[in-house]
Amino acid sequence: RFILLRKEFTDRGQQAKNSPGQAKNILI
């Protein structure tokens, strides 16, 4: 309940992620 999220995240709002079936974009 008290997770620290930066404003750039909370401004977007929580959104459902659509699965592409096969992941192609990887963030490191």
mmCIF file of all heavy atoms, coordinates in Angstrom:
data_MODEL
# 
_entry.id   MODEL 
# 
loop_
_atom_site.group_PDB 
_atom_site.id 
_atom_site.type_symbol 
_atom_site.label_atom_id 
_atom_site.label_alt_id 
_atom_site.label_comp_id 
_atom_site.label_asym_id 
_atom_site.label_entity_id 
_atom_site.label_seq_id 
_atom_site.pdbx_PDB_ins_code 
_atom_site.Cartn_x 
_atom_site.Cartn_y 
_atom_site.Cartn_z 
_atom_site.occupancy 
_atom_site.B_iso_or_equiv 
_atom_site.pdbx_formal_charge 
_atom_site.auth_seq_id 
_atom_site.auth_comp_id 
_atom_site.auth_asym_id 
_atom_site.auth_atom_id 
_atom_site.pdbx_PDB_model_num 
ATOM 1   N N   . ARG A 1 1  ? 0.836  -1.216  0.000   1.00 0.00 ? 1  ARG A N   1 
ATOM 2   C CA  . ARG A 1 1  ? 0.000  0.000   0.000   1.00 0.00 ? 1  ARG A CA  1 
ATOM 3   C C   . ARG A 1 1  ? 0.860  1.252   0.000   1.00 0.00 ? 1  ARG A C   1 
ATOM 4   O O   . ARG A 1 1  ? 0.422  2.322   -0.420  1.00 0.00 ? 1  ARG A O   1 
ATOM 5   C CB  . ARG A 1 1  ? -0.890 0.038   1.250   1.00 0.00 ? 1  ARG A CB  1 
ATOM 6   C CG  . ARG A 1 1  ? -2.109 -0.859  1.231   1.00 0.00 ? 1  ARG A CG  1 
ATOM 7   C CD  . ARG A 1 1  ? -2.880 -0.682  2.525   1.00 0.00 ? 1  ARG A CD  1 
ATOM 8   N NE  . ARG A 1 1  ? -3.267 0.711   2.753   1.00 0.00 ? 1  ARG A NE  1 
ATOM 9   C CZ  . ARG A 1 1  ? -3.411 1.254   3.959   1.00 0.00 ? 1  ARG A CZ  1 
ATOM 10  N NH1 . ARG A 1 1  ? -3.197 0.526   5.047   1.00 0.00 ? 1  ARG A NH1 1 
ATOM 11  N NH2 . ARG A 1 1  ? -3.790 2.503   4.082   1.00 0.00 ? 1  ARG A NH2 1 
ATOM 12  N N   . PHE A 1 2  ? 2.088  1.127   0.488   1.00 0.00 ? 2  PHE A N   1 
ATOM 13  C CA  . PHE A 1 2  ? 2.960  2.290   0.677   1.00 0.00 ? 2  PHE A CA  1 
ATOM 14  C C   . PHE A 1 2  ? 4.141  2.298   -0.295  1.00 0.00 ? 2  PHE A C   1 
ATOM 15  O O   . PHE A 1 2  ? 5.154  2.935   -0.039  1.00 0.00 ? 2  PHE A O   1 
ATOM 16  C CB  . PHE A 1 2  ? 3.459  2.318   2.123   1.00 0.00 ? 2  PHE A CB  1 
ATOM 17  C CG  . PHE A 1 2  ? 2.350  2.379   3.119   1.00 0.00 ? 2  PHE A CG  1 
ATOM 18  C CD1 . PHE A 1 2  ? 1.945  1.238   3.793   1.00 0.00 ? 2  PHE A CD1 1 
ATOM 19  C CD2 . PHE A 1 2  ? 1.678  3.561   3.368   1.00 0.00 ? 2  PHE A CD2 1 
ATOM 20  C CE1 . PHE A 1 2  ? 0.901  1.273   4.710   1.00 0.00 ? 2  PHE A CE1 1 
ATOM 21  C CE2 . PHE A 1 2  ? 0.633  3.606   4.283   1.00 0.00 ? 2  PHE A CE2 1 
ATOM 22  C CZ  . PHE A 1 2  ? 0.242  2.469   4.955   1.00 0.00 ? 2  PHE A CZ  1 
ATOM 23  N N   . ILE A 1 3  ? 4.001  1.596   -1.405  1.00 0.00 ? 3  ILE A N   1 
ATOM 24  C CA  . ILE A 1 3  ? 5.099  1.540   -2.371  1.00 0.00 ? 3  ILE A CA  1 
ATOM 25  C C   . ILE A 1 3  ? 5.424  2.932   -2.896  1.00 0.00 ? 3  ILE A C   1 
ATOM 26  O O   . ILE A 1 3  ? 4.538  3.735   -3.195  1.00 0.00 ? 3  ILE A O   1 
ATOM 27  C CB  . ILE A 1 3  ? 4.745  0.572   -3.522  1.00 0.00 ? 3  ILE A CB  1 
ATOM 28  C CG1 . ILE A 1 3  ? 4.995  -0.856  -3.047  1.00 0.00 ? 3  ILE A CG1 1 
ATOM 29  C CG2 . ILE A 1 3  ? 5.522  0.892   -4.775  1.00 0.00 ? 3  ILE A CG2 1 
ATOM 30  C CD1 . ILE A 1 3  ? 5.004  -1.896  -4.094  1.00 0.00 ? 3  ILE A CD1 1 
ATOM 31  N N   . LEU A 1 4  ? 6.724  3.201   -2.994  1.00 0.00 ? 4  LEU A N   1 
ATOM 32  C CA  . LEU A 1 4  ? 7.209  4.503   -3.447  1.00 0.00 ? 4  LEU A CA  1 
ATOM 33  C C   . LEU A 1 4  ? 7.359  4.488   -4.965  1.00 0.00 ? 4  LEU A C   1 
ATOM 34  O O   . LEU A 1 4  ? 8.276  3.876   -5.504  1.00 0.00 ? 4  LEU A O   1 
ATOM 35  C CB  . LEU A 1 4  ? 8.565  4.806   -2.788  1.00 0.00 ? 4  LEU A CB  1 
ATOM 36  C CG  . LEU A 1 4  ? 8.542  4.840   -1.263  1.00 0.00 ? 4  LEU A CG  1 
ATOM 37  C CD1 . LEU A 1 4  ? 9.958  4.852   -0.704  1.00 0.00 ? 4  LEU A CD1 1 
ATOM 38  C CD2 . LEU A 1 4  ? 7.769  6.047   -0.769  1.00 0.00 ? 4  LEU A CD2 1 
ATOM 39  N N   . LEU A 1 5  ? 6.429  5.140   -5.639  1.00 0.00 ? 5  LEU A N   1 
ATOM 40  C CA  . LEU A 1 5  ? 6.474  5.239   -7.091  1.00 0.00 ? 5  LEU A CA  1 
ATOM 41  C C   . LEU A 1 5  ? 6.656  6.687   -7.503  1.00 0.00 ? 5  LEU A C   1 
ATOM 42  O O   . LEU A 1 5  ? 5.993  7.580   -6.973  1.00 0.00 ? 5  LEU A O   1 
ATOM 43  C CB  . LEU A 1 5  ? 5.172  4.710   -7.712  1.00 0.00 ? 5  LEU A CB  1 
ATOM 44  C CG  . LEU A 1 5  ? 4.961  3.195   -7.689  1.00 0.00 ? 5  LEU A CG  1 
ATOM 45  C CD1 . LEU A 1 5  ? 3.557  2.864   -8.163  1.00 0.00 ? 5  LEU A CD1 1 
ATOM 46  C CD2 . LEU A 1 5  ? 5.991  2.488   -8.560  1.00 0.00 ? 5  LEU A CD2 1 
ATOM 47  N N   . ARG A 1 6  ? 7.550  6.887   -8.454  1.00 0.00 ? 6  ARG A N   1 
ATOM 48  C CA  . ARG A 1 6  ? 7.766  8.242   -8.945  1.00 0.00 ? 6  ARG A CA  1 
ATOM 49  C C   . ARG A 1 6  ? 6.547  8.743   -9.715  1.00 0.00 ? 6  ARG A C   1 
ATOM 50  O O   . ARG A 1 6  ? 5.754  7.955   -10.241 1.00 0.00 ? 6  ARG A O   1 
ATOM 51  C CB  . ARG A 1 6  ? 9.006  8.265   -9.841  1.00 0.00 ? 6  ARG A CB  1 
ATOM 52  C CG  . ARG A 1 6  ? 10.299 8.097   -9.064  1.00 0.00 ? 6  ARG A CG  1 
ATOM 53  C CD  . ARG A 1 6  ? 11.485 7.992   -9.987  1.00 0.00 ? 6  ARG A CD  1 
ATOM 54  N NE  . ARG A 1 6  ? 11.525 6.691   -10.645 1.00 0.00 ? 6  ARG A NE  1 
ATOM 55  C CZ  . ARG A 1 6  ? 12.386 6.373   -11.604 1.00 0.00 ? 6  ARG A CZ  1 
ATOM 56  N NH1 . ARG A 1 6  ? 13.236 7.271   -12.036 1.00 0.00 ? 6  ARG A NH1 1 
ATOM 57  N NH2 . ARG A 1 6  ? 12.386 5.169   -12.135 1.00 0.00 ? 6  ARG A NH2 1 
ATOM 58  N N   . LYS A 1 7  ? 6.457  10.040  -9.820  1.00 0.00 ? 7  LYS A N   1 
ATOM 59  C CA  . LYS A 1 7  ? 5.291  10.672  -10.428 1.00 0.00 ? 7  LYS A CA  1 
ATOM 60  C C   . LYS A 1 7  ? 5.108  10.243  -11.879 1.00 0.00 ? 7  LYS A C   1 
ATOM 61  O O   . LYS A 1 7  ? 3.984  10.165  -12.375 1.00 0.00 ? 7  LYS A O   1 
ATOM 62  C CB  . LYS A 1 7  ? 5.424  12.199  -10.333 1.00 0.00 ? 7  LYS A CB  1 
ATOM 63  C CG  . LYS A 1 7  ? 4.154  12.976  -10.628 1.00 0.00 ? 7  LYS A CG  1 
ATOM 64  C CD  . LYS A 1 7  ? 4.341  14.447  -10.281 1.00 0.00 ? 7  LYS A CD  1 
ATOM 65  C CE  . LYS A 1 7  ? 3.033  15.218  -10.474 1.00 0.00 ? 7  LYS A CE  1 
ATOM 66  N NZ  . LYS A 1 7  ? 2.615  15.298  -11.872 1.00 0.00 ? 7  LYS A NZ  1 
ATOM 67  N N   . GLU A 1 8  ? 6.209  9.947   -12.585 1.00 0.00 ? 8  GLU A N   1 
ATOM 68  C CA  . GLU A 1 8  ? 6.096  9.538   -13.983 1.00 0.00 ? 8  GLU A CA  1 
ATOM 69  C C   . GLU A 1 8  ? 5.285  8.246   -14.124 1.00 0.00 ? 8  GLU A C   1 
ATOM 70  O O   . GLU A 1 8  ? 4.670  8.010   -15.163 1.00 0.00 ? 8  GLU A O   1 
ATOM 71  C CB  . GLU A 1 8  ? 7.469  9.358   -14.624 1.00 0.00 ? 8  GLU A CB  1 
ATOM 72  C CG  . GLU A 1 8  ? 8.309  8.248   -14.024 1.00 0.00 ? 8  GLU A CG  1 
ATOM 73  C CD  . GLU A 1 8  ? 9.626  8.059   -14.768 1.00 0.00 ? 8  GLU A CD  1 
ATOM 74  O OE1 . GLU A 1 8  ? 9.601  7.665   -15.948 1.00 0.00 ? 8  GLU A OE1 1 
ATOM 75  O OE2 . GLU A 1 8  ? 10.679 8.324   -14.165 1.00 0.00 ? 8  GLU A OE2 1 
ATOM 76  N N   . PHE A 1 9  ? 5.270  7.431   -13.063 1.00 0.00 ? 9  PHE A N   1 
ATOM 77  C CA  . PHE A 1 9  ? 4.484  6.199   -13.095 1.00 0.00 ? 9  PHE A CA  1 
ATOM 78  C C   . PHE A 1 9  ? 3.035  6.462   -12.695 1.00 0.00 ? 9  PHE A C   1 
ATOM 79  O O   . PHE A 1 9  ? 2.107  6.013   -13.362 1.00 0.00 ? 9  PHE A O   1 
ATOM 80  C CB  . PHE A 1 9  ? 5.111  5.147   -12.185 1.00 0.00 ? 9  PHE A CB  1 
ATOM 81  C CG  . PHE A 1 9  ? 6.423  4.630   -12.688 1.00 0.00 ? 9  PHE A CG  1 
ATOM 82  C CD1 . PHE A 1 9  ? 7.612  5.183   -12.250 1.00 0.00 ? 9  PHE A CD1 1 
ATOM 83  C CD2 . PHE A 1 9  ? 6.479  3.615   -13.624 1.00 0.00 ? 9  PHE A CD2 1 
ATOM 84  C CE1 . PHE A 1 9  ? 8.830  4.733   -12.721 1.00 0.00 ? 9  PHE A CE1 1 
ATOM 85  C CE2 . PHE A 1 9  ? 7.687  3.153   -14.110 1.00 0.00 ? 9  PHE A CE2 1 
ATOM 86  C CZ  . PHE A 1 9  ? 8.869  3.717   -13.660 1.00 0.00 ? 9  PHE A CZ  1 
ATOM 87  N N   . THR A 1 10 ? 2.851  7.164   -11.594 1.00 0.00 ? 10 THR A N   1 
ATOM 88  C CA  . THR A 1 10 ? 1.485  7.388   -11.120 1.00 0.00 ? 10 THR A CA  1 
ATOM 89  C C   . THR A 1 10 ? 0.696  8.268   -12.080 1.00 0.00 ? 10 THR A C   1 
ATOM 90  O O   . THR A 1 10 ? -0.527 8.138   -12.179 1.00 0.00 ? 10 THR A O   1 
ATOM 91  C CB  . THR A 1 10 ? 1.497  8.018   -9.715  1.00 0.00 ? 10 THR A CB  1 
ATOM 92  O OG1 . THR A 1 10 ? 2.272  9.226   -9.734  1.00 0.00 ? 10 THR A OG1 1 
ATOM 93  C CG2 . THR A 1 10 ? 2.112  7.066   -8.708  1.00 0.00 ? 10 THR A CG2 1 
ATOM 94  N N   . ASP A 1 11 ? 1.359  9.161   -12.808 1.00 0.00 ? 11 ASP A N   1 
ATOM 95  C CA  . ASP A 1 11 ? 0.663  9.983   -13.795 1.00 0.00 ? 11 ASP A CA  1 
ATOM 96  C C   . ASP A 1 11 ? 0.095  9.146   -14.934 1.00 0.00 ? 11 ASP A C   1 
ATOM 97  O O   . ASP A 1 11 ? -0.931 9.491   -15.525 1.00 0.00 ? 11 ASP A O   1 
ATOM 98  C CB  . ASP A 1 11 ? 1.609  11.043  -14.380 1.00 0.00 ? 11 ASP A CB  1 
ATOM 99  C CG  . ASP A 1 11 ? 1.788  12.233  -13.447 1.00 0.00 ? 11 ASP A CG  1 
ATOM 100 O OD1 . ASP A 1 11 ? 1.051  12.317  -12.446 1.00 0.00 ? 11 ASP A OD1 1 
ATOM 101 O OD2 . ASP A 1 11 ? 2.666  13.077  -13.721 1.00 0.00 ? 11 ASP A OD2 1 
ATOM 102 N N   . ARG A 1 12 ? 0.770  8.042   -15.251 1.00 0.00 ? 12 ARG A N   1 
ATOM 103 C CA  . ARG A 1 12 ? 0.301  7.163   -16.323 1.00 0.00 ? 12 ARG A CA  1 
ATOM 104 C C   . ARG A 1 12 ? -0.894 6.328   -15.887 1.00 0.00 ? 12 ARG A C   1 
ATOM 105 O O   . ARG A 1 12 ? -1.727 5.943   -16.703 1.00 0.00 ? 12 ARG A O   1 
ATOM 106 C CB  . ARG A 1 12 ? 1.417  6.215   -16.771 1.00 0.00 ? 12 ARG A CB  1 
ATOM 107 C CG  . ARG A 1 12 ? 2.611  6.879   -17.413 1.00 0.00 ? 12 ARG A CG  1 
ATOM 108 C CD  . ARG A 1 12 ? 3.636  5.833   -17.794 1.00 0.00 ? 12 ARG A CD  1 
ATOM 109 N NE  . ARG A 1 12 ? 3.154  5.033   -18.925 1.00 0.00 ? 12 ARG A NE  1 
ATOM 110 C CZ  . ARG A 1 12 ? 3.449  5.294   -20.190 1.00 0.00 ? 12 ARG A CZ  1 
ATOM 111 N NH1 . ARG A 1 12 ? 4.196  6.337   -20.501 1.00 0.00 ? 12 ARG A NH1 1 
ATOM 112 N NH2 . ARG A 1 12 ? 2.997  4.520   -21.154 1.00 0.00 ? 12 ARG A NH2 1 
ATOM 113 N N   . GLY A 1 13 ? -0.950 6.009   -14.586 1.00 0.00 ? 13 GLY A N   1 
ATOM 114 C CA  . GLY A 1 13 ? -1.965 5.095   -14.103 1.00 0.00 ? 13 GLY A CA  1 
ATOM 115 C C   . GLY A 1 13 ? -1.567 3.666   -14.400 1.00 0.00 ? 13 GLY A C   1 
ATOM 116 O O   . GLY A 1 13 ? -0.775 3.388   -15.310 1.00 0.00 ? 13 GLY A O   1 
ATOM 117 N N   . GLN A 1 14 ? -2.095 2.743   -13.620 1.00 0.00 ? 14 GLN A N   1 
ATOM 118 C CA  . GLN A 1 14 ? -1.764 1.329   -13.806 1.00 0.00 ? 14 GLN A CA  1 
ATOM 119 C C   . GLN A 1 14 ? -2.546 0.791   -14.992 1.00 0.00 ? 14 GLN A C   1 
ATOM 120 O O   . GLN A 1 14 ? -3.765 0.931   -15.079 1.00 0.00 ? 14 GLN A O   1 
ATOM 121 C CB  . GLN A 1 14 ? -2.095 0.540   -12.544 1.00 0.00 ? 14 GLN A CB  1 
ATOM 122 C CG  . GLN A 1 14 ? -1.402 -0.801  -12.481 1.00 0.00 ? 14 GLN A CG  1 
ATOM 123 C CD  . GLN A 1 14 ? -1.445 -1.386  -11.084 1.00 0.00 ? 14 GLN A CD  1 
ATOM 124 O OE1 . GLN A 1 14 ? -2.191 -0.924  -10.238 1.00 0.00 ? 14 GLN A OE1 1 
ATOM 125 N NE2 . GLN A 1 14 ? -0.647 -2.400  -10.832 1.00 0.00 ? 14 GLN A NE2 1 
ATOM 126 N N   . GLN A 1 15 ? -1.831 0.153   -15.923 1.00 0.00 ? 15 GLN A N   1 
ATOM 127 C CA  . GLN A 1 15 ? -2.450 -0.310  -17.155 1.00 0.00 ? 15 GLN A CA  1 
ATOM 128 C C   . GLN A 1 15 ? -2.186 -1.793  -17.329 1.00 0.00 ? 15 GLN A C   1 
ATOM 129 O O   . GLN A 1 15 ? -1.115 -2.291  -16.996 1.00 0.00 ? 15 GLN A O   1 
ATOM 130 C CB  . GLN A 1 15 ? -1.891 0.473   -18.353 1.00 0.00 ? 15 GLN A CB  1 
ATOM 131 C CG  . GLN A 1 15 ? -2.120 1.977   -18.260 1.00 0.00 ? 15 GLN A CG  1 
ATOM 132 C CD  . GLN A 1 15 ? -1.346 2.747   -19.313 1.00 0.00 ? 15 GLN A CD  1 
ATOM 133 O OE1 . GLN A 1 15 ? -0.646 2.173   -20.125 1.00 0.00 ? 15 GLN A OE1 1 
ATOM 134 N NE2 . GLN A 1 15 ? -1.483 4.060   -19.287 1.00 0.00 ? 15 GLN A NE2 1 
ATOM 135 N N   . ALA A 1 16 ? -3.179 -2.494  -17.887 1.00 0.00 ? 16 ALA A N   1 
ATOM 136 C CA  . ALA A 1 16 ? -3.008 -3.914  -18.168 1.00 0.00 ? 16 ALA A CA  1 
ATOM 137 C C   . ALA A 1 16 ? -2.033 -4.069  -19.327 1.00 0.00 ? 16 ALA A C   1 
ATOM 138 O O   . ALA A 1 16 ? -2.090 -3.324  -20.310 1.00 0.00 ? 16 ALA A O   1 
ATOM 139 C CB  . ALA A 1 16 ? -4.350 -4.546  -18.513 1.00 0.00 ? 16 ALA A CB  1 
ATOM 140 N N   . LYS A 1 17 ? -1.141 -5.024  -19.216 1.00 0.00 ? 17 LYS A N   1 
ATOM 141 C CA  . LYS A 1 17 ? -0.145 -5.271  -20.248 1.00 0.00 ? 17 LYS A CA  1 
ATOM 142 C C   . LYS A 1 17 ? -0.651 -6.365  -21.168 1.00 0.00 ? 17 LYS A C   1 
ATOM 143 O O   . LYS A 1 17 ? -1.036 -7.435  -20.728 1.00 0.00 ? 17 LYS A O   1 
ATOM 144 C CB  . LYS A 1 17 ? 1.166  -5.705  -19.593 1.00 0.00 ? 17 LYS A CB  1 
ATOM 145 C CG  . LYS A 1 17 ? 2.359  -5.698  -20.528 1.00 0.00 ? 17 LYS A CG  1 
ATOM 146 C CD  . LYS A 1 17 ? 2.941  -4.313  -20.635 1.00 0.00 ? 17 LYS A CD  1 
ATOM 147 C CE  . LYS A 1 17 ? 4.268  -4.357  -21.379 1.00 0.00 ? 17 LYS A CE  1 
ATOM 148 N NZ  . LYS A 1 17 ? 4.817  -3.014  -21.583 1.00 0.00 ? 17 LYS A NZ  1 
ATOM 149 N N   . ASN A 1 18 ? -0.682 -6.086  -22.460 1.00 0.00 ? 18 ASN A N   1 
ATOM 150 C CA  . ASN A 1 18 ? -1.093 -7.091  -23.437 1.00 0.00 ? 18 ASN A CA  1 
ATOM 151 C C   . ASN A 1 18 ? 0.095  -7.970  -23.791 1.00 0.00 ? 18 ASN A C   1 
ATOM 152 O O   . ASN A 1 18 ? 1.134  -7.477  -24.236 1.00 0.00 ? 18 ASN A O   1 
ATOM 153 C CB  . ASN A 1 18 ? -1.643 -6.421  -24.701 1.00 0.00 ? 18 ASN A CB  1 
ATOM 154 C CG  . ASN A 1 18 ? -2.933 -5.671  -24.433 1.00 0.00 ? 18 ASN A CG  1 
ATOM 155 O OD1 . ASN A 1 18 ? -3.772 -6.131  -23.665 1.00 0.00 ? 18 ASN A OD1 1 
ATOM 156 N ND2 . ASN A 1 18 ? -3.085 -4.512  -25.057 1.00 0.00 ? 18 ASN A ND2 1 
ATOM 157 N N   . SER A 1 19 ? -0.058 -9.280  -23.598 1.00 0.00 ? 19 SER A N   1 
ATOM 158 C CA  . SER A 1 19 ? 1.033  -10.195 -23.910 1.00 0.00 ? 19 SER A CA  1 
ATOM 159 C C   . SER A 1 19 ? 1.188  -10.329 -25.415 1.00 0.00 ? 19 SER A C   1 
ATOM 160 O O   . SER A 1 19 ? 0.214  -10.552 -26.138 1.00 0.00 ? 19 SER A O   1 
ATOM 161 C CB  . SER A 1 19 ? 0.752  -11.577 -23.304 1.00 0.00 ? 19 SER A CB  1 
ATOM 162 O OG  . SER A 1 19 ? 1.714  -12.509 -23.767 1.00 0.00 ? 19 SER A OG  1 
ATOM 163 N N   . PRO A 1 20 ? 2.431  -10.196 -25.929 1.00 0.00 ? 20 PRO A N   1 
ATOM 164 C CA  . PRO A 1 20 ? 2.642  -10.331 -27.367 1.00 0.00 ? 20 PRO A CA  1 
ATOM 165 C C   . PRO A 1 20 ? 2.713  -11.784 -27.818 1.00 0.00 ? 20 PRO A C   1 
ATOM 166 O O   . PRO A 1 20 ? 2.861  -12.053 -29.010 1.00 0.00 ? 20 PRO A O   1 
ATOM 167 C CB  . PRO A 1 20 ? 3.994  -9.627  -27.570 1.00 0.00 ? 20 PRO A CB  1 
ATOM 168 C CG  . PRO A 1 20 ? 4.724  -9.893  -26.289 1.00 0.00 ? 20 PRO A CG  1 
ATOM 169 C CD  . PRO A 1 20 ? 3.662  -9.869  -25.205 1.00 0.00 ? 20 PRO A CD  1 
ATOM 170 N N   . GLY A 1 21 ? 2.617  -12.735 -26.868 1.00 0.00 ? 21 GLY A N   1 
ATOM 171 C CA  . GLY A 1 21 ? 2.768  -14.147 -27.225 1.00 0.00 ? 21 GLY A CA  1 
ATOM 172 C C   . GLY A 1 21 ? 4.230  -14.560 -27.176 1.00 0.00 ? 21 GLY A C   1 
ATOM 173 O O   . GLY A 1 21 ? 4.587  -15.539 -26.536 1.00 0.00 ? 21 GLY A O   1 
ATOM 174 N N   . GLN A 1 22 ? 5.081  -13.797 -27.854 1.00 0.00 ? 22 GLN A N   1 
ATOM 175 C CA  . GLN A 1 22 ? 6.522  -14.021 -27.805 1.00 0.00 ? 22 GLN A CA  1 
ATOM 176 C C   . GLN A 1 22 ? 7.179  -12.677 -27.523 1.00 0.00 ? 22 GLN A C   1 
ATOM 177 O O   . GLN A 1 22 ? 7.036  -11.731 -28.295 1.00 0.00 ? 22 GLN A O   1 
ATOM 178 C CB  . GLN A 1 22 ? 7.025  -14.565 -29.141 1.00 0.00 ? 22 GLN A CB  1 
ATOM 179 C CG  . GLN A 1 22 ? 8.515  -14.844 -29.192 1.00 0.00 ? 22 GLN A CG  1 
ATOM 180 C CD  . GLN A 1 22 ? 8.859  -16.199 -28.603 1.00 0.00 ? 22 GLN A CD  1 
ATOM 181 O OE1 . GLN A 1 22 ? 8.293  -17.218 -28.979 1.00 0.00 ? 22 GLN A OE1 1 
ATOM 182 N NE2 . GLN A 1 22 ? 9.806  -16.222 -27.679 1.00 0.00 ? 22 GLN A NE2 1 
ATOM 183 N N   . ALA A 1 23 ? 7.875  -12.567 -26.397 1.00 0.00 ? 23 ALA A N   1 
ATOM 184 C CA  . ALA A 1 23 ? 8.498  -11.296 -26.033 1.00 0.00 ? 23 ALA A CA  1 
ATOM 185 C C   . ALA A 1 23 ? 9.596  -10.947 -27.025 1.00 0.00 ? 23 ALA A C   1 
ATOM 186 O O   . ALA A 1 23 ? 10.438 -11.776 -27.354 1.00 0.00 ? 23 ALA A O   1 
ATOM 187 C CB  . ALA A 1 23 ? 9.066  -11.382 -24.620 1.00 0.00 ? 23 ALA A CB  1 
ATOM 188 N N   . LYS A 1 24 ? 9.577  -9.705  -27.490 1.00 0.00 ? 24 LYS A N   1 
ATOM 189 C CA  . LYS A 1 24 ? 10.585 -9.244  -28.439 1.00 0.00 ? 24 LYS A CA  1 
ATOM 190 C C   . LYS A 1 24 ? 11.348 -8.029  -27.919 1.00 0.00 ? 24 LYS A C   1 
ATOM 191 O O   . LYS A 1 24 ? 12.474 -7.778  -28.341 1.00 0.00 ? 24 LYS A O   1 
ATOM 192 C CB  . LYS A 1 24 ? 9.931  -8.900  -29.780 1.00 0.00 ? 24 LYS A CB  1 
ATOM 193 C CG  . LYS A 1 24 ? 9.257  -10.096 -30.458 1.00 0.00 ? 24 LYS A CG  1 
ATOM 194 C CD  . LYS A 1 24 ? 8.741  -9.727  -31.829 1.00 0.00 ? 24 LYS A CD  1 
ATOM 195 C CE  . LYS A 1 24 ? 8.011  -10.896 -32.482 1.00 0.00 ? 24 LYS A CE  1 
ATOM 196 N NZ  . LYS A 1 24 ? 8.868  -12.084 -32.633 1.00 0.00 ? 24 LYS A NZ  1 
ATOM 197 N N   . ASN A 1 25 ? 10.742 -7.271  -27.019 1.00 0.00 ? 25 ASN A N   1 
ATOM 198 C CA  . ASN A 1 25 ? 11.371 -6.062  -26.483 1.00 0.00 ? 25 ASN A CA  1 
ATOM 199 C C   . ASN A 1 25 ? 11.815 -6.315  -25.046 1.00 0.00 ? 25 ASN A C   1 
ATOM 200 O O   . ASN A 1 25 ? 10.982 -6.548  -24.174 1.00 0.00 ? 25 ASN A O   1 
ATOM 201 C CB  . ASN A 1 25 ? 10.395 -4.882  -26.524 1.00 0.00 ? 25 ASN A CB  1 
ATOM 202 C CG  . ASN A 1 25 ? 9.975  -4.540  -27.934 1.00 0.00 ? 25 ASN A CG  1 
ATOM 203 O OD1 . ASN A 1 25 ? 10.710 -4.768  -28.894 1.00 0.00 ? 25 ASN A OD1 1 
ATOM 204 N ND2 . ASN A 1 25 ? 8.778  -3.987  -28.074 1.00 0.00 ? 25 ASN A ND2 1 
ATOM 205 N N   . ILE A 1 26 ? 13.125 -6.258  -24.811 1.00 0.00 ? 26 ILE A N   1 
ATOM 206 C CA  . ILE A 1 26 ? 13.670 -6.592  -23.502 1.00 0.00 ? 26 ILE A CA  1 
ATOM 207 C C   . ILE A 1 26 ? 14.397 -5.379  -22.933 1.00 0.00 ? 26 ILE A C   1 
ATOM 208 O O   . ILE A 1 26 ? 15.277 -4.804  -23.578 1.00 0.00 ? 26 ILE A O   1 
ATOM 209 C CB  . ILE A 1 26 ? 14.635 -7.793  -23.578 1.00 0.00 ? 26 ILE A CB  1 
ATOM 210 C CG1 . ILE A 1 26 ? 13.913 -9.013  -24.169 1.00 0.00 ? 26 ILE A CG1 1 
ATOM 211 C CG2 . ILE A 1 26 ? 15.191 -8.126  -22.190 1.00 0.00 ? 26 ILE A CG2 1 
ATOM 212 C CD1 . ILE A 1 26 ? 14.814 -10.228 -24.343 1.00 0.00 ? 26 ILE A CD1 1 
ATOM 213 N N   . LEU A 1 27 ? 14.028 -5.017  -21.701 1.00 0.00 ? 27 LEU A N   1 
ATOM 214 C CA  . LEU A 1 27 ? 14.650 -3.909  -20.989 1.00 0.00 ? 27 LEU A CA  1 
ATOM 215 C C   . LEU A 1 27 ? 15.623 -4.459  -19.955 1.00 0.00 ? 27 LEU A C   1 
ATOM 216 O O   . LEU A 1 27 ? 15.290 -5.399  -19.229 1.00 0.00 ? 27 LEU A O   1 
ATOM 217 C CB  . LEU A 1 27 ? 13.566 -3.076  -20.296 1.00 0.00 ? 27 LEU A CB  1 
ATOM 218 C CG  . LEU A 1 27 ? 14.004 -1.806  -19.586 1.00 0.00 ? 27 LEU A CG  1 
ATOM 219 C CD1 . LEU A 1 27 ? 14.382 -0.735  -20.600 1.00 0.00 ? 27 LEU A CD1 1 
ATOM 220 C CD2 . LEU A 1 27 ? 12.898 -1.295  -18.666 1.00 0.00 ? 27 LEU A CD2 1 
ATOM 221 N N   . ILE A 1 28 ? 16.828 -3.872  -19.883 1.00 0.00 ? 28 ILE A N   1 
ATOM 222 C CA  . ILE A 1 28 ? 17.832 -4.291  -18.901 1.00 0.00 ? 28 ILE A CA  1 
ATOM 223 C C   . ILE A 1 28 ? 18.189 -3.089  -18.042 1.00 0.00 ? 28 ILE A C   1 
ATOM 224 O O   . ILE A 1 28 ? 18.573 -2.039  -18.558 1.00 0.00 ? 28 ILE A O   1 
ATOM 225 C CB  . ILE A 1 28 ? 19.106 -4.830  -19.589 1.00 0.00 ? 28 ILE A CB  1 
ATOM 226 C CG1 . ILE A 1 28 ? 18.755 -5.974  -20.547 1.00 0.00 ? 28 ILE A CG1 1 
ATOM 227 C CG2 . ILE A 1 28 ? 20.118 -5.304  -18.552 1.00 0.00 ? 28 ILE A CG2 1 
ATOM 228 C CD1 . ILE A 1 28 ? 19.937 -6.443  -21.377 1.00 0.00 ? 28 ILE A CD1 1 
# 
